[in-house]
Amino acid sequence: MTTFQCRIVTPSSALLDEEVQYVSFQSFDGQQGVMRGASPFLSKLGGGTCRIDTATGSTQYVLNGGFAQMNNNTLVLLADGAELTTSINAEDAQKRVDLADAKVNAPNDKPLTLAQREAIENEQSLARARLAASRRR
């Protein structure tokens, strides 16, 4: 199988830079898969699980927003935050889901702005992705 270069970069570190066979990640409008030869694109990342397949196996990360760019058989995932799913504690993940759900269901004295609603919903989505990833290990 042919490979391409994949990098995962956050503001504080470069987590991955290697040849891969396939990458699947959550974009803002749904799941996206990439293989060698994919057309160039720039996409907004959603909060969710990213699977990286190499010749030696698969690795999964939870990405917290950012951008994905494919160009010249190189995929760069520039994420606001990223963590290996194997490092996620299930109890901590459940607490984050509970807190995010409470924010979604909290009464508000005045209507939330669209940006506030989006931020709360993104937090809830990311918390649920972390919980699901912690249970799949």
C-alpha atoms as a PDB file:
ATOM      1  CA  MET A   1       0.000   0.000   0.000  1.00  0.00           C
ATOM      2  CA  THR A   2       1.243   3.502  -0.776  1.00  0.00           C
ATOM      3  CA  THR A   3       1.877   6.000   1.987  1.00  0.00           C
ATOM      4  CA  PHE A   4       1.874   9.734   2.549  1.00  0.00           C
ATOM      5  CA  GLN A   5       3.272  12.060   5.200  1.00  0.00           C
ATOM      6  CA  CYS A   6       1.060  12.995   8.157  1.00  0.00           C
ATOM      7  CA  ARG A   7       1.781  15.553  10.846  1.00  0.00           C
ATOM      8  CA  ILE A   8      -0.215  16.419  13.959  1.00  0.00           C
ATOM      9  CA  VAL A   9       0.790  19.766  15.414  1.00  0.00           C
ATOM     10  CA  THR A  10      -0.633  21.667  18.389  1.00  0.00           C
ATOM     11  CA  PRO A  11       0.346  25.123  19.654  1.00  0.00           C
ATOM     12  CA  SER A  12       2.639  23.500  22.216  1.00  0.00           C
ATOM     13  CA  SER A  13       4.115  20.481  20.403  1.00  0.00           C
ATOM     14  CA  ALA A  14       4.496  18.336  17.316  1.00  0.00           C
ATOM     15  CA  LEU A  15       2.881  15.000  18.197  1.00  0.00           C
ATOM     16  CA  LEU A  16       3.296  13.054  14.968  1.00  0.00           C
ATOM     17  CA  ASP A  17       5.392  13.237  11.803  1.00  0.00           C
ATOM     18  CA  GLU A  18       5.475   9.948   9.920  1.00  0.00           C
ATOM     19  CA  GLU A  19       4.525   8.005   6.813  1.00  0.00           C
ATOM     20  CA  VAL A  20       0.969   6.678   7.072  1.00  0.00           C
ATOM     21  CA  GLN A  21      -1.430   4.663   4.922  1.00  0.00           C
ATOM     22  CA  TYR A  22      -4.771   6.185   5.938  1.00  0.00           C
ATOM     23  CA  VAL A  23      -6.109   8.941   8.204  1.00  0.00           C
ATOM     24  CA  SER A  24      -9.700   9.455   9.334  1.00  0.00           C
ATOM     25  CA  PHE A  25     -10.685  12.565  11.276  1.00  0.00           C
ATOM     26  CA  GLN A  26     -13.713  14.591  12.288  1.00  0.00           C
ATOM     27  CA  SER A  27     -14.094  17.712  10.178  1.00  0.00           C
ATOM     28  CA  PHE A  28     -16.599  20.440  10.988  1.00  0.00           C
ATOM     29  CA  ASP A  29     -19.180  18.852   8.696  1.00  0.00           C
ATOM     30  CA  GLY A  30     -18.572  15.133   9.169  1.00  0.00           C
ATOM     31  CA  GLN A  31     -16.013  12.354   9.127  1.00  0.00           C
ATOM     32  CA  GLN A  32     -13.279  12.636   6.493  1.00  0.00           C
ATOM     33  CA  GLY A  33     -10.861   9.969   5.273  1.00  0.00           C
ATOM     34  CA  VAL A  34      -7.578  10.573   3.469  1.00  0.00           C
ATOM     35  CA  MET A  35      -5.302   8.305   1.436  1.00  0.00           C
ATOM     36  CA  ARG A  36      -2.276   8.962  -0.771  1.00  0.00           C
ATOM     37  CA  GLY A  37      -3.194  10.931  -3.854  1.00  0.00           C
ATOM     38  CA  ALA A  38      -6.021  12.883  -2.226  1.00  0.00           C
ATOM     39  CA  SER A  39      -6.759  16.215  -3.866  1.00  0.00           C
ATOM     40  CA  PRO A  40      -5.507  19.286  -2.026  1.00  0.00           C
ATOM     41  CA  PHE A  41      -7.922  20.664   0.552  1.00  0.00           C
ATOM     42  CA  LEU A  42      -8.171  22.888   3.587  1.00  0.00           C
ATOM     43  CA  SER A  43     -10.823  21.945   6.134  1.00  0.00           C
ATOM     44  CA  LYS A  44     -11.881  23.047   9.598  1.00  0.00           C
ATOM     45  CA  LEU A  45     -11.448  20.268  12.181  1.00  0.00           C
ATOM     46  CA  GLY A  46     -14.263  19.328  14.493  1.00  0.00           C
ATOM     47  CA  GLY A  47     -13.742  17.912  17.958  1.00  0.00           C
ATOM     48  CA  GLY A  48     -13.475  14.153  17.711  1.00  0.00           C
ATOM     49  CA  THR A  49     -11.445  11.038  17.114  1.00  0.00           C
ATOM     50  CA  CYS A  50      -8.656  10.803  14.556  1.00  0.00           C
ATOM     51  CA  ARG A  51      -7.422   7.358  13.442  1.00  0.00           C
ATOM     52  CA  ILE A  52      -3.959   7.010  11.918  1.00  0.00           C
ATOM     53  CA  ASP A  53      -3.199   3.726  10.097  1.00  0.00           C
ATOM     54  CA  THR A  54       0.420   2.739   9.429  1.00  0.00           C
ATOM     55  CA  ALA A  55       2.110  -0.452   8.310  1.00  0.00           C
ATOM     56  CA  THR A  56       2.521  -1.423  11.975  1.00  0.00           C
ATOM     57  CA  GLY A  57      -1.046  -0.727  13.163  1.00  0.00           C
ATOM     58  CA  SER A  58      -3.462   2.035  14.142  1.00  0.00           C
ATOM     59  CA  THR A  59      -3.170   4.890  16.598  1.00  0.00           C
ATOM     60  CA  GLN A  60      -6.025   7.112  17.732  1.00  0.00           C
ATOM     61  CA  TYR A  61      -6.044  10.678  18.974  1.00  0.00           C
ATOM     62  CA  VAL A  62      -8.812  12.993  20.125  1.00  0.00           C
ATOM     63  CA  LEU A  63      -8.433  16.332  18.345  1.00  0.00           C
ATOM     64  CA  ASN A  64      -9.952  19.534  19.647  1.00  0.00           C
ATOM     65  CA  GLY A  65     -10.649  21.724  16.624  1.00  0.00           C
ATOM     66  CA  GLY A  66      -8.199  23.421  14.301  1.00  0.00           C
ATOM     67  CA  PHE A  67      -7.507  22.867  10.615  1.00  0.00           C
ATOM     68  CA  ALA A  68      -6.549  20.044   8.248  1.00  0.00           C
ATOM     69  CA  GLN A  69      -4.567  20.690   5.100  1.00  0.00           C
ATOM     70  CA  MET A  70      -3.697  18.176   2.384  1.00  0.00           C
ATOM     71  CA  ASN A  71      -1.136  19.255  -0.193  1.00  0.00           C
ATOM     72  CA  ASN A  72       1.522  17.338  -2.181  1.00  0.00           C
ATOM     73  CA  ASN A  73       0.764  14.052  -0.380  1.00  0.00           C
ATOM     74  CA  THR A  74       1.286  15.661   3.025  1.00  0.00           C
ATOM     75  CA  LEU A  75      -1.557  15.948   5.537  1.00  0.00           C
ATOM     76  CA  VAL A  76      -1.085  18.470   8.329  1.00  0.00           C
ATOM     77  CA  LEU A  77      -3.564  18.404  11.210  1.00  0.00           C
ATOM     78  CA  LEU A  78      -3.069  21.702  13.019  1.00  0.00           C
ATOM     79  CA  ALA A  79      -5.126  21.063  16.140  1.00  0.00           C
ATOM     80  CA  ASP A  80      -6.022  23.375  19.006  1.00  0.00           C
ATOM     81  CA  GLY A  81      -5.432  20.354  21.264  1.00  0.00           C
ATOM     82  CA  ALA A  82      -4.719  16.654  20.818  1.00  0.00           C
ATOM     83  CA  GLU A  83      -4.248  13.642  23.049  1.00  0.00           C
ATOM     84  CA  LEU A  84      -3.665   9.947  22.549  1.00  0.00           C
ATOM     85  CA  THR A  85      -6.803   7.979  23.347  1.00  0.00           C
ATOM     86  CA  THR A  86      -4.733   5.560  25.435  1.00  0.00           C
ATOM     87  CA  SER A  87      -3.931   8.398  27.846  1.00  0.00           C
ATOM     88  CA  ILE A  88      -7.575   9.327  28.538  1.00  0.00           C
ATOM     89  CA  ASN A  89      -8.931   8.402  31.958  1.00  0.00           C
ATOM     90  CA  ALA A  90     -12.532   7.137  31.688  1.00  0.00           C
ATOM     91  CA  GLU A  91     -13.630   8.614  35.045  1.00  0.00           C
ATOM     92  CA  ASP A  92     -12.236  12.035  34.132  1.00  0.00           C
ATOM     93  CA  ALA A  93     -13.892  11.794  30.713  1.00  0.00           C
ATOM     94  CA  GLN A  94     -17.270  11.021  32.323  1.00  0.00           C
ATOM     95  CA  LYS A  95     -16.913  14.034  34.648  1.00  0.00           C
ATOM     96  CA  ARG A  96     -16.243  16.281  31.648  1.00  0.00           C
ATOM     97  CA  VAL A  97     -19.346  14.936  29.899  1.00  0.00           C
ATOM     98  CA  ASP A  98     -21.444  15.619  32.998  1.00  0.00           C
ATOM     99  CA  LEU A  99     -20.110  19.204  33.245  1.00  0.00           C
ATOM    100  CA  ALA A 100     -20.675  19.838  29.537  1.00  0.00           C
ATOM    101  CA  ASP A 101     -24.226  18.440  29.737  1.00  0.00           C
ATOM    102  CA  ALA A 102     -24.935  20.704  32.708  1.00  0.00           C
ATOM    103  CA  LYS A 103     -23.814  23.751  30.703  1.00  0.00           C
ATOM    104  CA  VAL A 104     -26.063  22.768  27.800  1.00  0.00           C
ATOM    105  CA  ASN A 105     -29.069  22.341  30.093  1.00  0.00           C
ATOM    106  CA  ALA A 106     -28.416  25.346  32.359  1.00  0.00           C
ATOM    107  CA  PRO A 107     -31.076  28.074  32.400  1.00  0.00           C
ATOM    108  CA  ASN A 108     -29.902  31.459  31.145  1.00  0.00           C
ATOM    109  CA  ASP A 109     -31.163  34.886  32.179  1.00  0.00           C
ATOM    110  CA  LYS A 110     -30.717  36.152  28.636  1.00  0.00           C
ATOM    111  CA  PRO A 111     -30.376  34.287  25.340  1.00  0.00           C
ATOM    112  CA  LEU A 112     -26.917  33.021  24.451  1.00  0.00           C
ATOM    113  CA  THR A 113     -25.175  34.349  21.388  1.00  0.00           C
ATOM    114  CA  LEU A 114     -24.517  31.981  18.513  1.00  0.00           C
ATOM    115  CA  ALA A 115     -20.809  31.914  19.404  1.00  0.00           C
ATOM    116  CA  GLN A 116     -21.596  31.036  23.033  1.00  0.00           C
ATOM    117  CA  ARG A 117     -23.935  28.221  21.968  1.00  0.00           C
ATOM    118  CA  GLU A 118     -21.357  26.887  19.524  1.00  0.00           C
ATOM    119  CA  ALA A 119     -18.629  26.907  22.185  1.00  0.00           C
ATOM    120  CA  ILE A 120     -20.838  24.997  24.651  1.00  0.00           C
ATOM    121  CA  GLU A 121     -21.896  22.460  22.010  1.00  0.00           C
ATOM    122  CA  ASN A 122     -18.272  21.957  20.898  1.00  0.00           C
ATOM    123  CA  GLU A 123     -17.247  21.350  24.502  1.00  0.00           C
ATOM    124  CA  GLN A 124     -20.017  18.766  24.857  1.00  0.00           C
ATOM    125  CA  SER A 125     -19.090  17.052  21.577  1.00  0.00           C
ATOM    126  CA  LEU A 126     -15.414  16.859  22.530  1.00  0.00           C
ATOM    127  CA  ALA A 127     -16.237  15.524  25.999  1.00  0.00           C
ATOM    128  CA  ARG A 128     -18.388  12.777  24.465  1.00  0.00           C
ATOM    129  CA  ALA A 129     -15.643  11.893  21.956  1.00  0.00           C
ATOM    130  CA  ARG A 130     -13.107  11.574  24.796  1.00  0.00           C
ATOM    131  CA  LEU A 131     -15.486   9.336  26.766  1.00  0.00           C
ATOM    132  CA  ALA A 132     -16.190   7.112  23.766  1.00  0.00           C
ATOM    133  CA  ALA A 133     -12.458   6.835  23.021  1.00  0.00           C
ATOM    134  CA  SER A 134     -11.675   5.901  26.632  1.00  0.00           C
ATOM    135  CA  ARG A 135     -14.205   3.054  26.451  1.00  0.00           C
ATOM    136  CA  ARG A 136     -12.875   1.606  23.163  1.00  0.00           C
ATOM    137  CA  ARG A 137      -9.403   0.823  24.480  1.00  0.00           C
END
